[in-house]
Amino acid sequence: MKKLLLMLGAVALFNCSTDDNNSQIEPTIDLAQYNPNLTIVENLDNGVAVLDITAELGIEALYGIEYGGGYIFHVNETDGKLFVATDYSTIGQTSWGDHFDLTNSAEIGAGRENTQQIVDGNLNDNSDVPNGLEFGNDDYAFKIVWDLEYAGYDDWFVPSKGAMEAIFNNLHAQGMGNFDETQFYWTSTKEGYQPYVMSFNPSMFGGSAFLGTCFASNAVVIVRSF
């Protein structure tokens, strides 16, 4: 009888210990899964995929969020790449650089390649090309931005025509961002000898970029994607 009681007591003690241990085990939380109790920035910082967030909230929910050095204005719906922009007109009015023939892309996402094309084109001697002009130094908008380290990042570029219009529509027209309606801004899109220029004053061009001149000096918006 004593043996039976001892065995029953041991079983009860084992069960109690097991229950106590189980009660102390907390469920594992996968930080890489979208958590509606966290902000979008917190989810991004936790490594949640951008497209998982937009699947829950929609793309527009990300517009205007300050992240990665600028304000989110575009999301690539295929790969989830984010595009952020910020005003950098504190450097003042800046020149275009050399005057030479170049036609490049207006698409969102083309700004990095456009900026590199313009910087590379300035390395040539453009004094003898038809209608060409040699600016003569590196103190021009695209070289400044290409070499820029700002907000802890060094991969900035000048946005394309399409990107500038998206910045206007998705940020400025919604009262978001930090863009100056008194400035004219360069874009990195060019048709021949004429670059596209942007104003954020809605009464002037209604949020559309327009053809300007390389002989002007304008402000810059800087963009990065990641």
C-alpha atoms as a PDB file:
ATOM      1  CA  MET A   1       0.000   0.000   0.000  1.00  0.00           C
ATOM      2  CA  LYS A   2       2.838   2.392   0.915  1.00  0.00           C
ATOM      3  CA  LYS A   3       4.528   1.627  -2.409  1.00  0.00           C
ATOM      4  CA  LEU A   4       1.318   2.422  -4.287  1.00  0.00           C
ATOM      5  CA  LEU A   5       0.900   5.727  -2.453  1.00  0.00           C
ATOM      6  CA  LEU A   6       4.528   6.654  -3.176  1.00  0.00           C
ATOM      7  CA  MET A   7       4.071   5.884  -6.869  1.00  0.00           C
ATOM      8  CA  LEU A   8       0.878   7.952  -7.088  1.00  0.00           C
ATOM      9  CA  GLY A   9       2.597  10.830  -5.325  1.00  0.00           C
ATOM     10  CA  ALA A  10       5.550  10.732  -7.732  1.00  0.00           C
ATOM     11  CA  VAL A  11       3.218  10.756 -10.722  1.00  0.00           C
ATOM     12  CA  ALA A  12       1.307  13.726  -9.302  1.00  0.00           C
ATOM     13  CA  LEU A  13       4.563  15.578  -8.611  1.00  0.00           C
ATOM     14  CA  PHE A  14       5.789  14.903 -12.152  1.00  0.00           C
ATOM     15  CA  ASN A  15       2.541  16.164 -13.658  1.00  0.00           C
ATOM     16  CA  CYS A  16       2.611  19.302 -11.526  1.00  0.00           C
ATOM     17  CA  SER A  17       6.222  19.985 -12.511  1.00  0.00           C
ATOM     18  CA  THR A  18       5.387  19.455 -16.182  1.00  0.00           C
ATOM     19  CA  ASP A  19       2.397  21.795 -15.936  1.00  0.00           C
ATOM     20  CA  ASP A  20       4.530  24.426 -14.214  1.00  0.00           C
ATOM     21  CA  ASN A  21       7.209  24.189 -16.914  1.00  0.00           C
ATOM     22  CA  ASN A  22       4.645  24.377 -19.699  1.00  0.00           C
ATOM     23  CA  SER A  23       3.051  27.416 -18.139  1.00  0.00           C
ATOM     24  CA  GLN A  24       6.376  29.226 -18.297  1.00  0.00           C
ATOM     25  CA  ILE A  25       6.975  28.576 -22.016  1.00  0.00           C
ATOM     26  CA  GLU A  26       5.927  31.589 -24.080  1.00  0.00           C
ATOM     27  CA  PRO A  27       4.960  31.243 -27.732  1.00  0.00           C
ATOM     28  CA  THR A  28       7.693  32.156 -30.204  1.00  0.00           C
ATOM     29  CA  ILE A  29       6.997  35.373 -32.124  1.00  0.00           C
ATOM     30  CA  ASP A  30       8.265  35.620 -35.685  1.00  0.00           C
ATOM     31  CA  LEU A  31       9.376  39.253 -35.992  1.00  0.00           C
ATOM     32  CA  ALA A  32       9.539  38.908 -39.778  1.00  0.00           C
ATOM     33  CA  GLN A  33       5.751  38.472 -39.912  1.00  0.00           C
ATOM     34  CA  TYR A  34       3.560  41.563 -40.100  1.00  0.00           C
ATOM     35  CA  ASN A  35       2.346  42.655 -36.667  1.00  0.00           C
ATOM     36  CA  PRO A  36      -0.703  44.962 -36.664  1.00  0.00           C
ATOM     37  CA  ASN A  37       0.138  46.084 -33.127  1.00  0.00           C
ATOM     38  CA  LEU A  38       3.354  47.720 -34.354  1.00  0.00           C
ATOM     39  CA  THR A  39       3.874  50.793 -36.532  1.00  0.00           C
ATOM     40  CA  ILE A  40       4.891  50.423 -40.156  1.00  0.00           C
ATOM     41  CA  VAL A  41       8.392  51.633 -39.299  1.00  0.00           C
ATOM     42  CA  GLU A  42       8.665  49.084 -36.486  1.00  0.00           C
ATOM     43  CA  ASN A  43       7.569  46.320 -38.852  1.00  0.00           C
ATOM     44  CA  LEU A  44      10.123  47.456 -41.435  1.00  0.00           C
ATOM     45  CA  ASP A  45      12.849  47.573 -38.797  1.00  0.00           C
ATOM     46  CA  ASN A  46      11.925  44.026 -37.780  1.00  0.00           C
ATOM     47  CA  GLY A  47      12.552  42.849 -41.330  1.00  0.00           C
ATOM     48  CA  VAL A  48       8.934  42.421 -42.409  1.00  0.00           C
ATOM     49  CA  ALA A  49       8.794  42.326 -46.217  1.00  0.00           C
ATOM     50  CA  VAL A  50       7.429  45.512 -47.757  1.00  0.00           C
ATOM     51  CA  LEU A  51       4.943  43.590 -49.894  1.00  0.00           C
ATOM     52  CA  ASP A  52       3.636  41.798 -46.789  1.00  0.00           C
ATOM     53  CA  ILE A  53       2.895  45.199 -45.269  1.00  0.00           C
ATOM     54  CA  THR A  54       1.238  46.560 -48.406  1.00  0.00           C
ATOM     55  CA  ALA A  55      -0.843  43.380 -48.701  1.00  0.00           C
ATOM     56  CA  GLU A  56      -2.332  44.245 -45.304  1.00  0.00           C
ATOM     57  CA  LEU A  57      -2.528  48.024 -45.533  1.00  0.00           C
ATOM     58  CA  GLY A  58      -2.201  49.033 -49.177  1.00  0.00           C
ATOM     59  CA  ILE A  59       0.678  50.907 -50.794  1.00  0.00           C
ATOM     60  CA  GLU A  60      -0.691  54.346 -49.968  1.00  0.00           C
ATOM     61  CA  ALA A  61      -0.258  53.645 -46.253  1.00  0.00           C
ATOM     62  CA  LEU A  62       3.516  53.889 -46.718  1.00  0.00           C
ATOM     63  CA  TYR A  63       3.521  57.230 -48.551  1.00  0.00           C
ATOM     64  CA  GLY A  64       4.910  60.081 -46.499  1.00  0.00           C
ATOM     65  CA  ILE A  65       6.556  57.926 -43.848  1.00  0.00           C
ATOM     66  CA  GLU A  66      10.024  59.227 -43.027  1.00  0.00           C
ATOM     67  CA  TYR A  67      12.355  56.282 -43.425  1.00  0.00           C
ATOM     68  CA  GLY A  68      15.803  55.544 -44.803  1.00  0.00           C
ATOM     69  CA  GLY A  69      16.811  59.194 -45.028  1.00  0.00           C
ATOM     70  CA  GLY A  70      13.729  60.536 -46.798  1.00  0.00           C
ATOM     71  CA  TYR A  71       9.985  60.275 -47.301  1.00  0.00           C
ATOM     72  CA  ILE A  72       8.569  57.166 -48.971  1.00  0.00           C
ATOM     73  CA  PHE A  73       6.945  58.162 -52.263  1.00  0.00           C
ATOM     74  CA  HIS A  74       6.968  54.963 -54.314  1.00  0.00           C
ATOM     75  CA  VAL A  75       6.859  51.204 -53.806  1.00  0.00           C
ATOM     76  CA  ASN A  76       7.863  48.795 -56.555  1.00  0.00           C
ATOM     77  CA  GLU A  77       4.947  46.359 -56.593  1.00  0.00           C
ATOM     78  CA  THR A  78       7.091  43.590 -58.090  1.00  0.00           C
ATOM     79  CA  ASP A  79      10.077  43.442 -55.737  1.00  0.00           C
ATOM     80  CA  GLY A  80       8.957  45.664 -52.839  1.00  0.00           C
ATOM     81  CA  LYS A  81      11.779  48.160 -53.300  1.00  0.00           C
ATOM     82  CA  LEU A  82      11.155  51.457 -51.522  1.00  0.00           C
ATOM     83  CA  PHE A  83      11.936  54.879 -52.978  1.00  0.00           C
ATOM     84  CA  VAL A  84      12.435  57.823 -50.627  1.00  0.00           C
ATOM     85  CA  ALA A  85      13.009  61.501 -51.401  1.00  0.00           C
ATOM     86  CA  THR A  86      13.944  64.641 -49.523  1.00  0.00           C
ATOM     87  CA  ASP A  87      14.617  68.255 -50.391  1.00  0.00           C
ATOM     88  CA  TYR A  88      18.294  69.169 -50.556  1.00  0.00           C
ATOM     89  CA  SER A  89      17.965  72.785 -51.674  1.00  0.00           C
ATOM     90  CA  THR A  90      19.982  73.926 -48.659  1.00  0.00           C
ATOM     91  CA  ILE A  91      23.015  73.747 -50.968  1.00  0.00           C
ATOM     92  CA  GLY A  92      21.424  76.548 -52.993  1.00  0.00           C
ATOM     93  CA  GLN A  93      20.939  76.903 -56.726  1.00  0.00           C
ATOM     94  CA  THR A  94      23.242  74.525 -58.575  1.00  0.00           C
ATOM     95  CA  SER A  95      24.337  74.314 -62.194  1.00  0.00           C
ATOM     96  CA  TRP A  96      23.549  71.466 -64.586  1.00  0.00           C
ATOM     97  CA  GLY A  97      27.140  70.961 -65.716  1.00  0.00           C
ATOM     98  CA  ASP A  98      28.406  70.458 -69.279  1.00  0.00           C
ATOM     99  CA  HIS A  99      26.065  71.115 -72.185  1.00  0.00           C
ATOM    100  CA  PHE A 100      25.870  68.034 -74.409  1.00  0.00           C
ATOM    101  CA  ASP A 101      23.356  65.901 -76.279  1.00  0.00           C
ATOM    102  CA  LEU A 102      21.709  63.152 -74.184  1.00  0.00           C
ATOM    103  CA  THR A 103      18.287  61.534 -74.207  1.00  0.00           C
ATOM    104  CA  ASN A 104      17.542  59.196 -71.300  1.00  0.00           C
ATOM    105  CA  SER A 105      14.644  57.665 -69.375  1.00  0.00           C
ATOM    106  CA  ALA A 106      11.707  59.335 -67.643  1.00  0.00           C
ATOM    107  CA  GLU A 107      10.668  56.154 -65.795  1.00  0.00           C
ATOM    108  CA  ILE A 108      10.503  55.893 -62.018  1.00  0.00           C
ATOM    109  CA  GLY A 109      13.649  54.074 -60.953  1.00  0.00           C
ATOM    110  CA  ALA A 110      15.785  55.379 -63.834  1.00  0.00           C
ATOM    111  CA  GLY A 111      17.248  58.247 -61.824  1.00  0.00           C
ATOM    112  CA  ARG A 112      20.338  56.390 -60.653  1.00  0.00           C
ATOM    113  CA  GLU A 113      21.377  55.428 -64.186  1.00  0.00           C
ATOM    114  CA  ASN A 114      20.418  58.886 -65.496  1.00  0.00           C
ATOM    115  CA  THR A 115      22.568  60.584 -62.863  1.00  0.00           C
ATOM    116  CA  GLN A 116      25.516  58.346 -63.671  1.00  0.00           C
ATOM    117  CA  GLN A 117      25.096  59.044 -67.404  1.00  0.00           C
ATOM    118  CA  ILE A 118      25.221  62.788 -66.762  1.00  0.00           C
ATOM    119  CA  VAL A 119      28.274  62.512 -64.494  1.00  0.00           C
ATOM    120  CA  ASP A 120      30.028  60.285 -67.050  1.00  0.00           C
ATOM    121  CA  GLY A 121      29.110  62.689 -69.844  1.00  0.00           C
ATOM    122  CA  ASN A 122      30.710  65.552 -67.939  1.00  0.00           C
ATOM    123  CA  LEU A 123      34.018  63.655 -67.924  1.00  0.00           C
ATOM    124  CA  ASN A 124      34.243  64.179 -71.680  1.00  0.00           C
ATOM    125  CA  ASP A 125      35.526  67.319 -73.323  1.00  0.00           C
ATOM    126  CA  ASN A 126      32.266  68.814 -74.522  1.00  0.00           C
ATOM    127  CA  SER A 127      33.757  72.073 -75.773  1.00  0.00           C
ATOM    128  CA  ASP A 128      34.069  70.815 -79.361  1.00  0.00           C
ATOM    129  CA  VAL A 129      30.796  68.842 -79.741  1.00  0.00           C
ATOM    130  CA  PRO A 130      27.930  70.467 -81.682  1.00  0.00           C
ATOM    131  CA  ASN A 131      26.228  73.027 -79.400  1.00  0.00           C
ATOM    132  CA  GLY A 132      28.462  71.772 -76.590  1.00  0.00           C
ATOM    133  CA  LEU A 133      29.799  73.692 -73.630  1.00  0.00           C
ATOM    134  CA  GLU A 134      32.366  72.728 -71.018  1.00  0.00           C
ATOM    135  CA  PHE A 135      31.259  73.738 -67.499  1.00  0.00           C
ATOM    136  CA  GLY A 136      34.781  73.373 -66.222  1.00  0.00           C
ATOM    137  CA  ASN A 137      34.497  72.019 -62.654  1.00  0.00           C
ATOM    138  CA  ASP A 138      32.746  69.435 -60.479  1.00  0.00           C
ATOM    139  CA  ASP A 139      30.536  71.901 -58.624  1.00  0.00           C
ATOM    140  CA  TYR A 140      27.376  70.916 -60.485  1.00  0.00           C
ATOM    141  CA  ALA A 141      24.150  69.301 -59.262  1.00  0.00           C
ATOM    142  CA  PHE A 142      24.649  65.730 -60.421  1.00  0.00           C
ATOM    143  CA  LYS A 143      28.254  65.389 -59.274  1.00  0.00           C
ATOM    144  CA  ILE A 144      27.362  66.900 -55.890  1.00  0.00           C
ATOM    145  CA  VAL A 145      24.522  64.399 -55.409  1.00  0.00           C
ATOM    146  CA  TRP A 146      26.500  61.444 -56.819  1.00  0.00           C
ATOM    147  CA  ASP A 147      29.272  62.053 -54.262  1.00  0.00           C
ATOM    148  CA  LEU A 148      26.907  62.947 -51.427  1.00  0.00           C
ATOM    149  CA  GLU A 149      26.838  61.326 -48.007  1.00  0.00           C
ATOM    150  CA  TYR A 150      23.695  62.452 -46.231  1.00  0.00           C
ATOM    151  CA  ALA A 151      21.676  61.091 -43.302  1.00  0.00           C
ATOM    152  CA  GLY A 152      24.109  58.195 -43.072  1.00  0.00           C
ATOM    153  CA  TYR A 153      23.675  57.092 -46.718  1.00  0.00           C
ATOM    154  CA  ASP A 154      25.884  57.529 -49.773  1.00  0.00           C
ATOM    155  CA  ASP A 155      23.690  56.123 -52.573  1.00  0.00           C
ATOM    156  CA  TRP A 156      21.682  59.235 -53.471  1.00  0.00           C
ATOM    157  CA  PHE A 157      20.764  60.256 -57.013  1.00  0.00           C
ATOM    158  CA  VAL A 158      18.696  62.889 -58.812  1.00  0.00           C
ATOM    159  CA  PRO A 159      15.189  61.602 -59.608  1.00  0.00           C
ATOM    160  CA  SER A 160      13.874  61.089 -63.110  1.00  0.00           C
ATOM    161  CA  LYS A 161      10.942  63.040 -64.536  1.00  0.00           C
ATOM    162  CA  GLY A 162       8.500  60.269 -63.597  1.00  0.00           C
ATOM    163  CA  ALA A 163       9.860  60.047 -60.070  1.00  0.00           C
ATOM    164  CA  MET A 164       9.572  63.805 -59.539  1.00  0.00           C
ATOM    165  CA  GLU A 165       5.940  63.707 -60.633  1.00  0.00           C
ATOM    166  CA  ALA A 166       5.314  60.790 -58.249  1.00  0.00           C
ATOM    167  CA  ILE A 167       6.936  62.804 -55.449  1.00  0.00           C
ATOM    168  CA  PHE A 168       4.551  65.641 -56.201  1.00  0.00           C
ATOM    169  CA  ASN A 169       1.446  63.440 -56.437  1.00  0.00           C
ATOM    170  CA  ASN A 170       2.142  61.031 -53.586  1.00  0.00           C
ATOM    171  CA  LEU A 171       3.765  63.443 -51.142  1.00  0.00           C
ATOM    172  CA  HIS A 172       3.536  67.163 -51.821  1.00  0.00           C
ATOM    173  CA  ALA A 173      -0.056  67.212 -53.097  1.00  0.00           C
ATOM    174  CA  GLN A 174      -1.056  65.274 -49.969  1.00  0.00           C
ATOM    175  CA  GLY A 175       0.629  67.784 -47.658  1.00  0.00           C
ATOM    176  CA  MET A 176       3.615  65.519 -46.942  1.00  0.00           C
ATOM    177  CA  GLY A 177       7.355  65.905 -47.383  1.00  0.00           C
ATOM    178  CA  ASN A 178       9.543  68.987 -47.175  1.00  0.00           C
ATOM    179  CA  PHE A 179       9.544  70.409 -50.701  1.00  0.00           C
ATOM    180  CA  ASP A 180       9.738  74.111 -51.484  1.00  0.00           C
ATOM    181  CA  GLU A 181       7.124  75.656 -53.774  1.00  0.00           C
ATOM    182  CA  THR A 182       9.382  78.643 -54.456  1.00  0.00           C
ATOM    183  CA  GLN A 183      12.118  76.513 -56.047  1.00  0.00           C
ATOM    184  CA  PHE A 184      12.633  74.998 -59.460  1.00  0.00           C
ATOM    185  CA  TYR A 185      14.205  71.547 -59.224  1.00  0.00           C
ATOM    186  CA  TRP A 186      16.331  69.598 -61.671  1.00  0.00           C
ATOM    187  CA  THR A 187      15.263  66.152 -62.786  1.00  0.00           C
ATOM    188  CA  SER A 188      17.779  63.710 -64.289  1.00  0.00           C
ATOM    189  CA  THR A 189      15.702  63.208 -67.456  1.00  0.00           C
ATOM    190  CA  LYS A 190      16.881  64.932 -70.609  1.00  0.00           C
ATOM    191  CA  GLU A 191      15.730  65.172 -74.223  1.00  0.00           C
ATOM    192  CA  GLY A 192      18.680  66.100 -76.390  1.00  0.00           C
ATOM    193  CA  TYR A 193      19.991  69.359 -75.012  1.00  0.00           C
ATOM    194  CA  GLN A 194      16.989  70.115 -72.798  1.00  0.00           C
ATOM    195  CA  PRO A 195      16.519  68.788 -69.264  1.00  0.00           C
ATOM    196  CA  TYR A 196      13.174  68.367 -67.549  1.00  0.00           C
ATOM    197  CA  VAL A 197      12.622  70.686 -64.596  1.00  0.00           C
ATOM    198  CA  MET A 198      10.027  70.491 -61.822  1.00  0.00           C
ATOM    199  CA  SER A 199       8.116  73.010 -59.711  1.00  0.00           C
ATOM    200  CA  PHE A 200       6.127  71.956 -56.641  1.00  0.00           C
ATOM    201  CA  ASN A 201       3.874  74.979 -56.949  1.00  0.00           C
ATOM    202  CA  PRO A 202       0.573  73.371 -58.086  1.00  0.00           C
ATOM    203  CA  SER A 203      -0.659  76.574 -59.720  1.00  0.00           C
ATOM    204  CA  MET A 204       2.283  76.734 -62.141  1.00  0.00           C
ATOM    205  CA  PHE A 205       2.471  73.407 -63.971  1.00  0.00           C
ATOM    206  CA  GLY A 206      -0.017  71.223 -62.103  1.00  0.00           C
ATOM    207  CA  GLY A 207       2.548  68.713 -60.895  1.00  0.00           C
ATOM    208  CA  SER A 208       4.067  67.987 -64.301  1.00  0.00           C
ATOM    209  CA  ALA A 209       7.732  68.367 -65.152  1.00  0.00           C
ATOM    210  CA  PHE A 210       8.544  70.632 -68.103  1.00  0.00           C
ATOM    211  CA  LEU A 211      11.470  71.186 -70.451  1.00  0.00           C
ATOM    212  CA  GLY A 212      13.980  73.734 -69.191  1.00  0.00           C
ATOM    213  CA  THR A 213      17.519  74.754 -70.047  1.00  0.00           C
ATOM    214  CA  CYS A 214      20.944  73.494 -68.975  1.00  0.00           C
ATOM    215  CA  PHE A 215      22.108  77.099 -68.653  1.00  0.00           C
ATOM    216  CA  ALA A 216      19.957  77.720 -65.585  1.00  0.00           C
ATOM    217  CA  SER A 217      20.740  76.981 -61.932  1.00  0.00           C
ATOM    218  CA  ASN A 218      18.152  75.074 -59.913  1.00  0.00           C
ATOM    219  CA  ALA A 219      17.613  73.278 -56.613  1.00  0.00           C
ATOM    220  CA  VAL A 220      17.779  69.517 -56.144  1.00  0.00           C
ATOM    221  CA  VAL A 221      15.677  66.773 -54.602  1.00  0.00           C
ATOM    222  CA  ILE A 222      17.677  63.692 -53.671  1.00  0.00           C
ATOM    223  CA  VAL A 223      16.359  60.138 -53.905  1.00  0.00           C
ATOM    224  CA  ARG A 224      17.567  56.703 -52.889  1.00  0.00           C
ATOM    225  CA  SER A 225      16.017  53.249 -53.317  1.00  0.00           C
ATOM    226  CA  PHE A 226      16.478  50.079 -51.292  1.00  0.00           C
END
